[in-house]
Amino acid sequence: MNPLPLAPKLSRKFRLQFEPAQDRWVLLYPEGMVQLNPSAAEILKRCDGERSVDAIVSQLEATFNAQGIAAEVRNLLEEGQRRGWIE
């Protein structure tokens, strides 16, 4: 697998939005929809192509008063890259 980009961003094939009917964030794409858990949504909301992975981790740790989440964030981003969500 390719290494994660320095500043990950969502693929243009996907659109992140809150879906009131499901009461959750989803990734929409032409063939369907991926329902996200709250943690995944918070990570993907920050994938704007400007923030580094370290910056995303730091921001999440500060926002949610959490520590030691870098591995989980990286795992989600790597899975997102494997599935084509992240470029």
N, C-alpha and C. Protein backbone atom coordinates (compact mmCIF):
# COMPACT_ATOMS: atom_id res chain seq x y z
N MET A 1 0.85 -1.18 0.00
CA MET A 1 0.00 0.00 0.00
C MET A 1 0.89 1.24 0.00
N ASN A 2 0.41 2.27 -0.64
CA ASN A 2 1.13 3.54 -0.66
C ASN A 2 1.12 4.16 0.73
N PRO A 3 2.17 4.92 1.06
CA PRO A 3 2.14 5.62 2.36
C PRO A 3 1.05 6.69 2.35
N LEU A 4 0.60 7.02 3.54
CA LEU A 4 -0.41 8.09 3.65
C LEU A 4 0.16 9.39 3.11
N PRO A 5 -0.69 10.20 2.47
CA PRO A 5 -0.22 11.51 2.05
C PRO A 5 0.12 12.37 3.28
N LEU A 6 1.01 13.34 3.09
CA LEU A 6 1.37 14.22 4.21
C LEU A 6 0.16 14.98 4.73
N ALA A 7 -0.70 15.40 3.82
CA ALA A 7 -1.92 16.12 4.20
C ALA A 7 -3.10 15.42 3.51
N PRO A 8 -3.68 14.40 4.17
CA PRO A 8 -4.75 13.63 3.53
C PRO A 8 -5.99 14.47 3.24
N LYS A 9 -6.65 14.11 2.15
CA LYS A 9 -7.92 14.76 1.83
C LYS A 9 -8.87 13.72 1.27
N LEU A 10 -10.16 14.03 1.37
CA LEU A 10 -11.16 13.13 0.83
C LEU A 10 -11.06 13.10 -0.69
N SER A 11 -11.26 11.92 -1.23
CA SER A 11 -11.31 11.77 -2.68
C SER A 11 -12.49 12.58 -3.22
N ARG A 12 -12.32 13.10 -4.42
CA ARG A 12 -13.41 13.85 -5.05
C ARG A 12 -14.61 12.97 -5.35
N LYS A 13 -14.44 11.65 -5.30
CA LYS A 13 -15.53 10.71 -5.57
C LYS A 13 -16.50 10.61 -4.39
N PHE A 14 -16.11 11.14 -3.24
CA PHE A 14 -16.91 11.01 -2.02
C PHE A 14 -17.29 12.38 -1.49
N ARG A 15 -18.46 12.43 -0.85
CA ARG A 15 -18.89 13.67 -0.19
C ARG A 15 -19.29 13.32 1.24
N LEU A 16 -18.71 14.02 2.19
CA LEU A 16 -19.00 13.82 3.61
C LEU A 16 -20.14 14.75 3.99
N GLN A 17 -21.20 14.17 4.57
CA GLN A 17 -22.30 15.02 5.01
C GLN A 17 -23.06 14.35 6.15
N PHE A 18 -23.75 15.19 6.94
CA PHE A 18 -24.58 14.66 8.01
C PHE A 18 -25.92 14.27 7.40
N GLU A 19 -26.36 13.07 7.73
CA GLU A 19 -27.61 12.54 7.19
C GLU A 19 -28.64 12.45 8.33
N PRO A 20 -29.58 13.41 8.38
CA PRO A 20 -30.54 13.42 9.49
C PRO A 20 -31.35 12.12 9.61
N ALA A 21 -31.68 11.49 8.50
CA ALA A 21 -32.48 10.26 8.55
C ALA A 21 -31.76 9.16 9.33
N GLN A 22 -30.44 9.11 9.22
CA GLN A 22 -29.65 8.12 9.97
C GLN A 22 -29.10 8.70 11.27
N ASP A 23 -29.23 10.01 11.45
CA ASP A 23 -28.68 10.72 12.61
C ASP A 23 -27.19 10.46 12.75
N ARG A 24 -26.49 10.51 11.60
CA ARG A 24 -25.04 10.29 11.61
C ARG A 24 -24.42 10.85 10.34
N TRP A 25 -23.09 10.97 10.40
CA TRP A 25 -22.32 11.39 9.24
C TRP A 25 -22.17 10.21 8.30
N VAL A 26 -22.17 10.51 7.00
CA VAL A 26 -22.01 9.48 5.98
C VAL A 26 -21.07 9.98 4.90
N LEU A 27 -20.50 9.04 4.18
CA LEU A 27 -19.75 9.33 2.95
C LEU A 27 -20.65 8.91 1.80
N LEU A 28 -20.98 9.85 0.96
CA LEU A 28 -21.81 9.55 -0.21
C LEU A 28 -20.91 9.38 -1.43
N TYR A 29 -21.28 8.44 -2.27
CA TYR A 29 -20.58 8.23 -3.54
C TYR A 29 -21.61 7.74 -4.54
N PRO A 30 -21.31 7.77 -5.85
CA PRO A 30 -22.33 7.46 -6.84
C PRO A 30 -23.04 6.12 -6.64
N GLU A 31 -22.35 5.11 -6.14
CA GLU A 31 -22.97 3.80 -5.99
C GLU A 31 -23.63 3.58 -4.63
N GLY A 32 -23.51 4.52 -3.72
CA GLY A 32 -24.11 4.29 -2.41
C GLY A 32 -23.64 5.23 -1.33
N MET A 33 -23.60 4.67 -0.10
CA MET A 33 -23.32 5.48 1.07
C MET A 33 -22.61 4.61 2.11
N VAL A 34 -21.67 5.22 2.81
CA VAL A 34 -20.97 4.57 3.92
C VAL A 34 -21.38 5.30 5.19
N GLN A 35 -21.98 4.59 6.14
CA GLN A 35 -22.33 5.20 7.42
C GLN A 35 -21.08 5.18 8.30
N LEU A 36 -20.82 6.31 8.93
CA LEU A 36 -19.61 6.47 9.75
C LEU A 36 -19.96 6.51 11.23
N ASN A 37 -19.08 5.95 12.05
CA ASN A 37 -19.27 6.13 13.48
C ASN A 37 -18.76 7.54 13.82
N PRO A 38 -19.09 8.06 14.99
CA PRO A 38 -18.70 9.44 15.33
C PRO A 38 -17.20 9.70 15.25
N SER A 39 -16.38 8.75 15.67
CA SER A 39 -14.92 8.95 15.63
C SER A 39 -14.43 9.08 14.20
N ALA A 40 -14.88 8.18 13.33
CA ALA A 40 -14.46 8.23 11.93
C ALA A 40 -14.88 9.54 11.29
N ALA A 41 -16.09 10.00 11.60
CA ALA A 41 -16.57 11.26 11.03
C ALA A 41 -15.68 12.42 11.47
N GLU A 42 -15.31 12.46 12.75
CA GLU A 42 -14.47 13.55 13.24
C GLU A 42 -13.10 13.55 12.56
N ILE A 43 -12.56 12.37 12.31
CA ILE A 43 -11.27 12.28 11.62
C ILE A 43 -11.42 12.76 10.18
N LEU A 44 -12.42 12.24 9.47
CA LEU A 44 -12.57 12.56 8.05
C LEU A 44 -12.96 14.02 7.83
N LYS A 45 -13.65 14.64 8.78
CA LYS A 45 -13.98 16.07 8.65
C LYS A 45 -12.72 16.93 8.56
N ARG A 46 -11.62 16.43 9.11
CA ARG A 46 -10.37 17.19 9.14
C ARG A 46 -9.45 16.88 7.97
N CYS A 47 -9.86 15.98 7.10
CA CYS A 47 -9.05 15.61 5.93
C CYS A 47 -9.34 16.59 4.79
N ASP A 48 -8.69 17.74 4.86
CA ASP A 48 -8.96 18.82 3.91
C ASP A 48 -7.80 19.08 2.95
N GLY A 49 -6.76 18.25 3.02
CA GLY A 49 -5.61 18.44 2.15
C GLY A 49 -4.65 19.52 2.63
N GLU A 50 -4.97 20.13 3.76
CA GLU A 50 -4.10 21.17 4.32
C GLU A 50 -3.47 20.75 5.65
N ARG A 51 -4.17 19.92 6.41
CA ARG A 51 -3.68 19.48 7.72
C ARG A 51 -2.89 18.18 7.58
N SER A 52 -1.78 18.12 8.27
CA SER A 52 -0.99 16.88 8.30
C SER A 52 -1.68 15.88 9.21
N VAL A 53 -1.25 14.63 9.11
CA VAL A 53 -1.79 13.60 10.01
C VAL A 53 -1.52 14.00 11.46
N ASP A 54 -0.31 14.47 11.74
CA ASP A 54 0.02 14.91 13.11
C ASP A 54 -0.88 16.05 13.57
N ALA A 55 -1.18 16.98 12.67
CA ALA A 55 -2.06 18.11 13.02
C ALA A 55 -3.48 17.61 13.31
N ILE A 56 -3.94 16.65 12.52
CA ILE A 56 -5.27 16.08 12.75
C ILE A 56 -5.32 15.42 14.12
N VAL A 57 -4.30 14.62 14.43
CA VAL A 57 -4.23 13.96 15.73
C VAL A 57 -4.21 15.00 16.85
N SER A 58 -3.37 16.00 16.75
CA SER A 58 -3.27 17.03 17.78
C SER A 58 -4.59 17.75 17.99
N GLN A 59 -5.26 18.08 16.89
CA GLN A 59 -6.54 18.77 17.00
C GLN A 59 -7.59 17.89 17.67
N LEU A 60 -7.64 16.62 17.30
CA LEU A 60 -8.61 15.71 17.92
C LEU A 60 -8.31 15.52 19.41
N GLU A 61 -7.02 15.37 19.76
CA GLU A 61 -6.66 15.21 21.16
C GLU A 61 -7.07 16.43 21.97
N ALA A 62 -6.87 17.63 21.41
CA ALA A 62 -7.25 18.85 22.11
C ALA A 62 -8.77 19.00 22.22
N THR A 63 -9.46 18.73 21.12
CA THR A 63 -10.92 18.90 21.09
C THR A 63 -11.62 17.94 22.04
N PHE A 64 -11.15 16.70 22.09
CA PHE A 64 -11.84 15.67 22.86
C PHE A 64 -11.11 15.27 24.14
N ASN A 65 -10.10 16.06 24.51
CA ASN A 65 -9.34 15.81 25.73
C ASN A 65 -8.91 14.34 25.79
N ALA A 66 -8.32 13.89 24.71
CA ALA A 66 -7.87 12.49 24.59
C ALA A 66 -6.37 12.48 24.36
N GLN A 67 -5.75 11.38 24.71
CA GLN A 67 -4.31 11.22 24.49
C GLN A 67 -4.06 9.85 23.87
N GLY A 68 -2.98 9.75 23.11
CA GLY A 68 -2.57 8.46 22.58
C GLY A 68 -3.47 7.89 21.50
N ILE A 69 -4.06 8.76 20.68
CA ILE A 69 -4.99 8.27 19.65
C ILE A 69 -4.34 8.21 18.27
N ALA A 70 -3.07 8.51 18.17
CA ALA A 70 -2.41 8.58 16.85
C ALA A 70 -2.54 7.27 16.07
N ALA A 71 -2.36 6.14 16.73
CA ALA A 71 -2.44 4.85 16.03
C ALA A 71 -3.83 4.61 15.46
N GLU A 72 -4.86 4.95 16.24
CA GLU A 72 -6.23 4.75 15.77
C GLU A 72 -6.55 5.67 14.59
N VAL A 73 -6.08 6.92 14.68
CA VAL A 73 -6.30 7.87 13.58
C VAL A 73 -5.59 7.37 12.32
N ARG A 74 -4.36 6.97 12.47
CA ARG A 74 -3.59 6.47 11.33
C ARG A 74 -4.25 5.22 10.73
N ASN A 75 -4.73 4.31 11.58
CA ASN A 75 -5.41 3.11 11.08
C ASN A 75 -6.65 3.46 10.27
N LEU A 76 -7.43 4.40 10.76
CA LEU A 76 -8.63 4.81 10.01
C LEU A 76 -8.24 5.43 8.68
N LEU A 77 -7.24 6.29 8.68
CA LEU A 77 -6.80 6.93 7.44
C LEU A 77 -6.24 5.90 6.46
N GLU A 78 -5.51 4.93 6.95
CA GLU A 78 -4.98 3.89 6.06
C GLU A 78 -6.11 3.05 5.48
N GLU A 79 -7.10 2.72 6.30
CA GLU A 79 -8.26 1.98 5.79
C GLU A 79 -9.03 2.83 4.78
N GLY A 80 -9.18 4.12 5.07
CA GLY A 80 -9.84 5.02 4.12
C GLY A 80 -9.09 5.12 2.81
N GLN A 81 -7.78 5.12 2.90
CA GLN A 81 -6.97 5.16 1.67
C GLN A 81 -7.16 3.86 0.89
N ARG A 82 -7.16 2.72 1.59
CA ARG A 82 -7.35 1.43 0.94
C ARG A 82 -8.71 1.36 0.24
N ARG A 83 -9.72 1.97 0.84
CA ARG A 83 -11.07 1.95 0.27
C ARG A 83 -11.31 3.06 -0.75
N GLY A 84 -10.30 3.92 -0.94
CA GLY A 84 -10.43 4.99 -1.92
C GLY A 84 -11.06 6.27 -1.41
N TRP A 85 -11.29 6.36 -0.09
CA TRP A 85 -11.88 7.58 0.47
C TRP A 85 -10.86 8.70 0.55
N ILE A 86 -9.59 8.34 0.78
CA ILE A 86 -8.52 9.30 1.03
C ILE A 86 -7.57 9.31 -0.15
N GLU A 87 -7.18 10.52 -0.54
CA GLU A 87 -6.15 10.65 -1.59
C GLU A 87 -5.08 11.60 -1.13
